[in-house]
Protein backbone atom coordinates (compact mmCIF):
# COMPACT_ATOMS: atom_id res chain seq x y z
CA UNK A 1 0.00 0.00 0.00
CA UNK A 2 1.34 3.42 -0.97
CA UNK A 3 2.08 6.07 1.64
CA UNK A 4 0.51 8.67 -0.64
CA UNK A 5 -3.25 8.51 -1.31
CA UNK A 6 -3.82 7.56 -4.94
CA UNK A 7 -7.11 9.44 -5.10
CA UNK A 8 -8.12 12.88 -3.93
CA UNK A 9 -9.71 13.18 -0.50
CA UNK A 10 -11.46 16.38 0.49
CA UNK A 11 -14.26 18.79 -0.15
CA UNK A 12 -14.88 22.47 -0.61
CA UNK A 13 -17.70 24.97 -0.96
CA UNK A 14 -17.37 28.73 -1.24
CA UNK A 15 -20.48 29.17 0.90
CA UNK A 16 -19.86 26.56 3.61
CA UNK A 17 -17.22 26.13 6.30
CA UNK A 18 -14.95 23.19 6.85
CA UNK A 19 -15.08 22.73 10.62
CA UNK A 20 -12.27 21.41 12.86
CA UNK A 21 -14.19 18.13 13.08
CA UNK A 22 -14.31 18.01 9.28
CA UNK A 23 -10.55 18.53 9.17
CA UNK A 24 -10.03 15.67 11.62
CA UNK A 25 -12.30 13.42 9.58
CA UNK A 26 -10.54 14.18 6.30
CA UNK A 27 -7.10 13.67 7.82
CA UNK A 28 -8.26 10.37 9.29
CA UNK A 29 -9.39 9.22 5.85
CA UNK A 30 -6.00 10.07 4.42
CA UNK A 31 -3.65 8.97 7.18
CA UNK A 32 -5.38 6.53 9.55
CA UNK A 33 -3.81 3.54 7.79
CA UNK A 34 -1.39 0.84 8.98
CA UNK A 35 1.05 1.82 6.23
CA UNK A 36 2.07 4.85 8.32
CA UNK A 37 2.99 2.78 11.38
CA UNK A 38 6.58 3.53 12.39
CA UNK A 39 7.26 5.84 9.47
CA UNK A 40 9.02 9.20 9.68
CA UNK A 41 6.99 12.12 8.29
CA UNK A 42 8.17 15.62 7.41
CA UNK A 43 5.50 18.34 7.26
CA UNK A 44 6.32 21.45 5.20
CA UNK A 45 4.32 24.51 6.27
CA UNK A 46 4.30 28.24 5.38
CA UNK A 47 5.73 30.93 7.60
CA UNK A 48 3.75 33.75 9.20
CA UNK A 49 3.54 35.75 5.95
CA UNK A 50 0.75 33.40 4.84
CA UNK A 51 -2.61 33.15 6.58
CA UNK A 52 -3.27 29.51 7.32
CA UNK A 53 -4.86 27.39 10.09
CA UNK A 54 -1.47 26.04 11.15
CA UNK A 55 -2.37 25.67 14.88
CA UNK A 56 -5.36 23.51 13.95
CA UNK A 57 -3.29 21.51 11.50
CA UNK A 58 -0.46 21.06 14.00
CA UNK A 59 -2.72 19.68 16.73
CA UNK A 60 -4.78 17.55 14.36
CA UNK A 61 -1.79 15.96 12.66
CA UNK A 62 -0.49 15.09 16.13
CA UNK A 63 -3.55 12.85 16.45
CA UNK A 64 -3.54 11.47 12.89
CA UNK A 65 -0.99 10.39 11.72
CA UNK A 66 1.01 11.51 14.78
CA UNK A 67 -0.06 8.53 16.88
CA UNK A 68 1.11 6.07 14.21
CA UNK A 69 4.39 7.55 13.00
CA UNK A 70 7.86 7.40 14.51
CA UNK A 71 8.50 11.10 13.86
CA UNK A 72 6.38 14.05 12.81
CA UNK A 73 8.75 16.93 12.18
CA UNK A 74 8.09 20.33 10.58
CA UNK A 75 10.08 22.37 8.09
CA UNK A 76 9.05 26.01 7.59
CA UNK A 77 8.94 26.96 3.91
CA UNK A 78 10.68 30.30 4.21
CA UNK A 79 11.83 30.61 0.64
CA UNK A 80 14.33 33.44 1.15
CA UNK A 81 12.49 35.02 4.09
CA UNK A 82 14.43 35.46 7.36
CA UNK A 83 14.38 32.51 9.80
CA UNK A 84 11.60 32.59 12.36
CA UNK A 85 12.51 33.14 16.00
CA UNK A 86 11.54 30.64 18.67
CA UNK A 87 8.76 32.95 19.86
CA UNK A 88 7.43 33.40 16.31
CA UNK A 89 7.41 29.63 15.80
CA UNK A 90 5.40 29.23 19.00
CA UNK A 91 2.79 31.65 17.61
CA UNK A 92 2.84 29.99 14.19
CA UNK A 93 1.93 26.52 15.47
CA UNK A 94 -0.12 27.71 18.45
CA UNK A 95 1.84 25.69 21.02
CA UNK A 96 4.80 26.85 23.10
CA UNK A 97 8.12 25.02 23.04
CA UNK A 98 7.79 23.62 26.58
CA UNK A 99 4.32 22.25 25.88
CA UNK A 100 5.47 20.78 22.57
CA UNK A 101 8.33 18.99 24.27
CA UNK A 102 5.98 17.48 26.82
CA UNK A 103 2.93 16.68 24.66
CA UNK A 104 4.51 16.09 21.25
CA UNK A 105 7.87 14.36 21.83
CA UNK A 106 7.95 13.05 18.24
CA UNK A 107 7.98 16.58 16.81
CA UNK A 108 10.75 19.04 16.00
CA UNK A 109 10.47 22.27 13.98
CA UNK A 110 13.13 23.55 11.59
CA UNK A 111 13.68 26.75 9.63
CA UNK A 112 14.65 26.39 5.98
CA UNK A 113 18.05 27.89 5.05
CA UNK A 114 18.06 28.66 1.33
CA UNK A 115 21.57 30.15 1.36
CA UNK A 116 23.36 27.48 3.41
CA UNK A 117 24.92 24.86 1.10
CA UNK A 118 25.23 22.46 4.02
CA UNK A 119 21.45 22.51 4.44
CA UNK A 120 20.78 21.67 0.77
CA UNK A 121 21.06 18.65 -1.47
CA UNK A 122 20.65 18.07 -5.19
CA UNK A 123 17.74 15.93 -6.37
CA UNK A 124 17.95 16.49 -10.12
CA UNK A 125 18.51 18.84 -13.03
CA UNK A 126 15.98 20.41 -15.39
CA UNK A 127 17.51 19.98 -18.85
CA UNK A 128 17.77 22.93 -21.23
CA UNK A 129 15.25 21.42 -23.64
CA UNK A 130 12.75 20.91 -20.80
CA UNK A 131 13.29 24.44 -19.48
CA UNK A 132 12.61 25.79 -22.96
CA UNK A 133 9.45 23.70 -23.38
CA UNK A 134 8.04 24.37 -19.92
CA UNK A 135 8.75 28.10 -20.10
CA UNK A 136 7.06 28.67 -23.47
CA UNK A 137 10.56 29.34 -24.85
CA UNK A 138 11.14 32.25 -22.49
CA UNK A 139 14.23 30.62 -20.94
CA UNK A 140 16.64 27.96 -22.17
CA UNK A 141 19.08 27.12 -19.39
CA UNK A 142 19.94 24.06 -17.36
CA UNK A 143 18.53 24.35 -13.85
CA UNK A 144 19.98 22.46 -10.87
CA UNK A 145 17.19 21.40 -8.52
CA UNK A 146 18.28 21.60 -4.90
CA UNK A 147 16.14 21.34 -1.79
CA UNK A 148 16.55 21.23 1.94
CA UNK A 149 18.23 17.91 2.64
CA UNK A 150 15.55 17.05 5.22
CA UNK A 151 13.22 16.32 2.28
CA UNK A 152 15.38 13.27 1.51
CA UNK A 153 15.63 11.99 5.09
CA UNK A 154 12.01 11.03 5.82
CA UNK A 155 9.69 8.31 4.56
CA UNK A 156 6.97 10.73 3.44
CA UNK A 157 6.72 14.51 2.93
CA UNK A 158 3.47 16.40 3.58
CA UNK A 159 3.09 19.72 1.73
CA UNK A 160 0.62 21.81 3.71
CA UNK A 161 -0.74 25.28 3.17
CA UNK A 162 -3.25 27.63 1.57
CA UNK A 163 -3.80 28.46 -2.10
CA UNK A 164 -4.19 32.08 -3.26
CA UNK A 165 -3.63 33.95 -6.53
CA UNK A 166 0.11 34.50 -6.91
CA UNK A 167 2.18 36.87 -9.03
CA UNK A 168 4.95 34.40 -9.95
CA UNK A 169 3.25 31.02 -10.15
CA UNK A 170 -0.35 32.02 -10.94
CA UNK A 171 -1.64 30.43 -7.74
CA UNK A 172 0.36 29.62 -4.63
CA UNK A 173 0.36 26.35 -2.71
CA UNK A 174 0.91 22.72 -3.54
CA UNK A 175 4.40 21.85 -4.77
CA UNK A 176 5.31 25.54 -4.52
CA UNK A 177 6.06 24.74 -0.88
CA UNK A 178 9.02 22.81 -2.29
CA UNK A 179 10.02 25.33 -4.97
CA UNK A 180 10.79 27.97 -3.79
CA UNK A 181 9.56 27.12 -0.28
CA UNK A 182 12.43 24.83 0.76
CA UNK A 183 14.60 25.12 -2.35
CA UNK A 184 18.10 26.30 -3.14
CA UNK A 185 18.98 29.53 -4.94
CA UNK A 186 19.25 28.21 -8.51
CA UNK A 187 15.64 27.16 -8.96
CA UNK A 188 14.41 30.09 -6.86
CA UNK A 189 16.14 32.53 -9.19
CA UNK A 190 15.00 30.65 -12.29
CA UNK A 191 11.32 30.48 -11.39
CA UNK A 192 11.14 34.08 -10.23
CA UNK A 193 12.79 35.54 -13.30
CA UNK A 194 10.65 33.30 -15.49
CA UNK A 195 7.58 34.72 -13.77
CA UNK A 196 8.84 38.23 -14.42
CA UNK A 197 9.42 37.48 -18.10
CA UNK A 198 5.88 36.13 -18.37
CA UNK A 199 4.75 39.24 -16.38
CA UNK A 200 2.57 39.36 -13.31
CA UNK A 201 -0.42 40.76 -15.22
CA UNK A 202 -0.51 37.67 -17.45
CA UNK A 203 0.28 35.23 -14.65
CA UNK A 204 -1.54 36.16 -11.46
CA UNK A 205 -4.75 34.20 -10.96
CA UNK A 206 -4.02 31.85 -13.90
CA UNK A 207 -3.63 28.12 -13.24
CA UNK A 208 -1.57 27.02 -16.24
CA UNK A 209 1.56 29.17 -16.15
CA UNK A 210 5.18 28.55 -17.14
CA UNK A 211 6.30 28.70 -13.52
CA UNK A 212 3.66 26.23 -12.33
CA UNK A 213 4.76 23.80 -15.05
CA UNK A 214 8.36 24.10 -13.88
CA UNK A 215 7.32 23.56 -10.25
CA UNK A 216 5.41 20.38 -11.09
CA UNK A 217 8.24 19.12 -13.30
CA UNK A 218 10.79 19.69 -10.52
CA UNK A 219 8.56 17.98 -7.95
CA UNK A 220 8.92 14.74 -9.93
CA UNK A 221 12.54 14.62 -8.78
CA UNK A 222 11.43 14.32 -5.15
CA UNK A 223 12.96 11.14 -3.75
CA UNK A 224 10.20 10.51 -1.23
CA UNK A 225 6.40 10.21 -1.57
CA UNK A 226 4.62 13.56 -1.51
CA UNK A 227 1.20 14.09 0.03
CA UNK A 228 -0.37 17.51 -0.47
CA UNK A 229 -2.83 19.19 1.92
CA UNK A 230 -4.25 22.29 0.24
CA UNK A 231 -6.55 24.73 2.00
CA UNK A 232 -8.88 27.25 0.40
CA UNK A 233 -9.61 30.02 2.88
CA UNK A 234 -11.85 33.06 3.24
CA UNK A 235 -10.49 35.12 6.07
CA UNK A 236 -10.13 32.70 8.96
CA UNK A 237 -12.83 30.40 7.59
CA UNK A 238 -11.75 27.17 5.90
CA UNK A 239 -13.83 26.74 2.74
CA UNK A 240 -11.96 23.76 1.34
CA UNK A 241 -9.41 21.08 2.22
CA UNK A 242 -8.04 18.71 -0.40
CA UNK A 243 -5.58 15.89 0.36
CA UNK A 244 -3.81 13.73 -2.18
CA UNK A 245 -1.30 13.85 -5.04
CA UNK A 246 0.18 17.32 -5.30
CA UNK A 247 -1.21 18.16 -8.73
CA UNK A 248 -4.73 16.92 -7.93
CA UNK A 249 -4.99 18.58 -4.51
CA UNK A 250 -3.60 21.87 -5.79
CA UNK A 251 -5.89 21.85 -8.84
CA UNK A 252 -9.00 21.45 -6.69
CA UNK A 253 -7.92 24.11 -4.21
CA UNK A 254 -6.93 26.58 -6.95
CA UNK A 255 -10.36 26.24 -8.58
CA UNK A 256 -12.02 27.10 -5.29
CA UNK A 257 -9.50 29.85 -4.51
CA UNK A 258 -10.35 31.48 -7.85
CA UNK A 259 -13.98 31.71 -6.74
CA UNK A 260 -13.03 33.09 -3.34
CA UNK A 261 -10.17 35.43 -4.18
CA UNK A 262 -10.67 36.89 -7.64
CA UNK A 263 -13.02 39.87 -7.63
CA UNK A 264 -14.14 41.35 -10.95
CA UNK A 265 -14.53 45.10 -11.02
CA UNK A 266 -16.69 46.98 -13.56
CA UNK A 267 -14.21 49.81 -14.08
CA UNK A 268 -10.58 50.82 -13.72
CA UNK A 269 -9.50 53.39 -11.10
CA UNK A 270 -7.15 56.33 -11.32
CA UNK A 271 -5.86 55.79 -7.79
CA UNK A 272 -5.92 52.76 -5.50
CA UNK A 273 -4.98 52.94 -1.83
CA UNK A 274 -3.86 49.41 -1.03
CA UNK A 275 -3.18 48.70 2.65
CA UNK A 276 -1.33 45.38 3.06
CA UNK A 277 -2.24 43.05 5.89
CA UNK A 278 -0.28 43.49 9.10
CA UNK A 279 1.38 40.09 8.66
CA UNK A 280 3.74 41.63 6.10
CA UNK A 281 6.68 43.41 7.72
CA UNK A 282 8.77 44.55 4.74
CA UNK A 283 8.11 45.66 1.18
CA UNK A 284 9.36 42.32 -0.17
CA UNK A 285 6.24 40.67 1.27
CA UNK A 286 3.87 43.66 1.43
CA UNK A 287 4.24 44.32 -2.29
CA UNK A 288 1.41 41.82 -2.77
CA UNK A 289 -0.76 44.88 -2.13
CA UNK A 290 0.50 46.14 -5.51
CA UNK A 291 0.39 42.85 -7.42
CA UNK A 292 -3.21 42.10 -6.46
CA UNK A 293 -4.52 45.55 -7.46
CA UNK A 294 -2.39 46.42 -10.51
CA UNK A 295 -4.94 45.00 -13.00
CA UNK A 296 -7.64 47.49 -11.94
CA UNK A 297 -5.49 50.63 -12.17
CA UNK A 298 -6.05 52.70 -15.30
CA UNK A 299 -3.14 53.59 -17.56
CA UNK A 300 -1.37 56.55 -15.97
CA UNK A 301 -2.96 55.82 -12.59
CA UNK A 302 -1.39 55.08 -9.23
CA UNK A 303 -1.18 52.40 -6.54
CA UNK A 304 -0.34 53.76 -3.11
CA UNK A 305 0.97 51.07 -0.75
CA UNK A 306 -0.22 52.35 2.63
CA UNK A 307 1.68 50.59 5.41
CA UNK A 308 2.96 52.83 8.24
CA UNK A 309 4.35 49.76 10.03
CA UNK A 310 6.80 48.89 7.23
CA UNK A 311 10.24 50.44 7.64
CA UNK A 312 12.38 48.14 5.48
CA UNK A 313 12.48 47.23 1.79
CA UNK A 314 13.68 43.69 2.44
CA UNK A 315 15.26 42.23 5.55
CA UNK A 316 17.06 39.66 3.38
CA UNK A 317 17.73 41.44 0.09
CA UNK A 318 17.61 45.16 0.94
CA UNK A 319 21.20 45.94 -0.03
CA UNK A 320 20.84 44.38 -3.49
CA UNK A 321 17.53 46.12 -4.12
CA UNK A 322 19.11 49.44 -3.16
CA UNK A 323 21.71 48.85 -5.86
CA UNK A 324 19.25 47.80 -8.57
CA UNK A 325 16.17 49.86 -7.77
CA UNK A 326 12.67 49.24 -9.11
CA UNK A 327 12.19 49.13 -12.88
CA UNK A 328 9.94 47.72 -15.57
CA UNK A 329 10.94 44.39 -17.11
CA UNK A 330 12.30 45.80 -20.37
CA UNK A 331 14.66 48.12 -18.48
CA UNK A 332 16.61 44.98 -17.60
CA UNK A 333 16.15 43.13 -20.88
CA UNK A 334 17.35 46.06 -23.01
CA UNK A 335 20.47 46.42 -20.85
CA UNK A 336 21.08 42.79 -20.00
CA UNK A 337 24.86 43.12 -19.94
CA UNK A 338 24.50 45.34 -16.85
CA UNK A 339 22.20 43.00 -14.95
CA UNK A 340 23.04 39.45 -16.06
CA UNK A 341 24.84 38.75 -12.76
CA UNK A 342 22.03 40.03 -10.52
CA UNK A 343 20.03 37.15 -8.97
CA UNK A 344 16.80 36.49 -10.82
CA UNK A 345 14.71 36.81 -7.66
CA UNK A 346 15.94 40.41 -7.20
CA UNK A 347 15.18 41.42 -10.79
CA UNK A 348 11.80 39.71 -10.58
CA UNK A 349 10.81 41.49 -7.39
CA UNK A 350 11.92 44.78 -8.90
CA UNK A 351 9.81 44.52 -12.04
CA UNK A 352 6.82 42.99 -10.27
CA UNK A 353 6.65 45.96 -7.91
CA UNK A 354 7.21 48.54 -10.66
CA UNK A 355 4.61 46.89 -12.87
CA UNK A 356 4.15 46.84 -16.62
CA UNK A 357 5.81 49.42 -18.83
CA UNK A 358 8.34 50.10 -21.58
CA UNK A 359 11.98 51.10 -21.92
CA UNK A 360 13.57 52.79 -24.93
CA UNK A 361 17.28 51.93 -24.92
CA UNK A 362 18.08 54.58 -27.51
CA UNK A 363 16.82 57.41 -25.32
CA UNK A 364 17.18 55.63 -21.95
CA UNK A 365 13.54 56.50 -21.26
CA UNK A 366 11.58 54.26 -18.92
CA UNK A 367 7.78 54.56 -19.00
CA UNK A 368 5.90 52.58 -16.34
CA UNK A 369 2.21 52.00 -17.07
CA UNK A 370 1.28 53.23 -13.59
CA UNK A 371 2.93 55.00 -10.67
CA UNK A 372 3.75 53.01 -7.53
CA UNK A 373 3.98 55.14 -4.39
CA UNK A 374 5.04 54.12 -0.88
CA UNK A 375 3.23 55.59 2.10
CA UNK A 376 5.25 53.62 4.63
CA UNK A 377 7.90 54.11 7.29
CA UNK A 378 10.61 53.93 4.59
CA UNK A 379 12.21 57.40 4.31
CA UNK A 380 11.53 59.58 1.27
CA UNK A 381 15.20 59.68 0.24
CA UNK A 382 15.33 55.89 0.00
CA UNK A 383 12.03 55.68 -1.89
CA UNK A 384 13.32 58.14 -4.49
CA UNK A 385 16.67 56.37 -4.71
CA UNK A 386 15.07 53.02 -5.47
CA UNK A 387 12.81 54.65 -8.08
CA UNK A 388 9.47 54.54 -6.28
CA UNK A 389 7.14 57.37 -5.34
CA UNK A 390 6.77 58.67 -1.80
CA UNK A 391 3.93 60.07 0.28
CA UNK A 392 3.93 60.89 3.96
CA UNK A 393 1.53 58.37 5.46
CA UNK A 394 0.51 60.93 8.07
CA UNK A 395 -1.27 62.85 5.31
CA UNK A 396 -3.49 59.91 4.41
CA UNK A 397 -6.67 58.86 6.17
CA UNK A 398 -7.85 55.59 4.64
CA UNK A 399 -11.43 56.38 5.61
CA UNK A 400 -11.32 59.32 3.19
CA UNK A 401 -10.94 56.80 0.36
CA UNK A 402 -13.90 54.62 1.21
CA UNK A 403 -16.94 54.56 -1.10
CA UNK A 404 -15.44 56.91 -3.71
CA UNK A 405 -15.37 54.51 -6.64
CA UNK A 406 -17.41 56.91 -8.76
CA UNK A 407 -14.55 59.41 -8.41
CA UNK A 408 -11.97 56.88 -9.59
CA UNK A 409 -10.66 56.17 -6.08
CA UNK A 410 -10.62 52.70 -4.51
CA UNK A 411 -9.53 51.56 -1.05
CA UNK A 412 -8.40 47.98 -0.37
CA UNK A 413 -7.87 47.15 3.33
CA UNK A 414 -6.06 43.97 4.42
CA UNK A 415 -4.62 43.67 0.92
CA UNK A 416 -2.44 40.84 -0.29
CA UNK A 417 -4.55 37.73 -0.84
CA UNK A 418 -7.50 38.85 -2.96
CA UNK A 419 -6.88 39.60 -6.63
CA UNK A 420 -8.82 42.38 -8.34
CA UNK A 421 -9.40 42.14 -12.10
CA UNK A 422 -11.57 43.98 -14.57
CA UNK A 423 -14.74 42.28 -15.73
CA UNK A 424 -13.69 42.39 -19.40
CA UNK A 425 -10.30 40.82 -18.58
CA UNK A 426 -10.62 37.18 -19.65
CA UNK A 427 -7.40 36.05 -17.89
């Protein structure tokens, strides 16, 4: 009997909740089998920049399959985010370290380390011909596939987390918790720059994307069975849970996430005040407030990222971003000799934040489609230096923006997970 369910287990409904008892029942169907007896399981979960019912999942997995397995350890899919502190991990899983040690002796929790070669191992290589095919001919390079070596040291790997529209992959979740979640720098850089070449506007909220194809291709190199647990959420409510093969579970959750998290608007706006959720603590993560609203901003309009709590561009990559700045995609492509050695993830973040636009190499004129302005704790001098607009957040009252759609103004509180598109946009 296989460790991984061969068929999809789960259910979802945009208008009905999945209760904690439902979660327990679904997990029991998937994991309450003798085949798990004595096995070692690794659970990959998102960090605190994703909203997810991790405390419920942690406690429920401790019952099933936790009672059957020899080990039930956790690896936090940080991508390139900073490692979580002990206190932050306690909040993430909803159980303090002392209580975990007493009640869950089979469980340890690890941070991923994307930039530590000793923490990584190679599981395969994406050939040039496959990279070209999967990327719609946007990239033709050989891609080493490295992951956290813990992925190779357990009998089964559980990929757990929510699915939302995503600027690089189309939708998050599923095998994306491997790549880039617990991956090494080569495939992280490749997938992010590929997403930038495809552009966020043509990727976000789309299931079949070049990056998603690469992710699924790379997941086939995994040396251990993969079981995927995909949640579809609306706020704190669980609307769907799907357990099974990573492509099947992700497909089902992405279909439901599209219903829950893509809102069609009847008109474009000249100015959008987008206030990212408090879970984001730097622009690297809070920029989702831009990605998710860019499609509804009229040509020549503006997105204002309103986040007084944010005082840093990126806690991991700030120095590199300061050097490169924020630019449209073609700014880099038309001057590739200047930027070929910059990591793809940096270039991708830059152009995703700046948005669509053009660059004329002959005149060195860059023309973004819209203006992106920071109303954050990042100083004006730094905003100007990295080629973004600045507004003093003290001069903005979000309530002044509410209910002014007829004037071309739109306010998005708690931004970052819901994608806004125009009704006539068929993407």
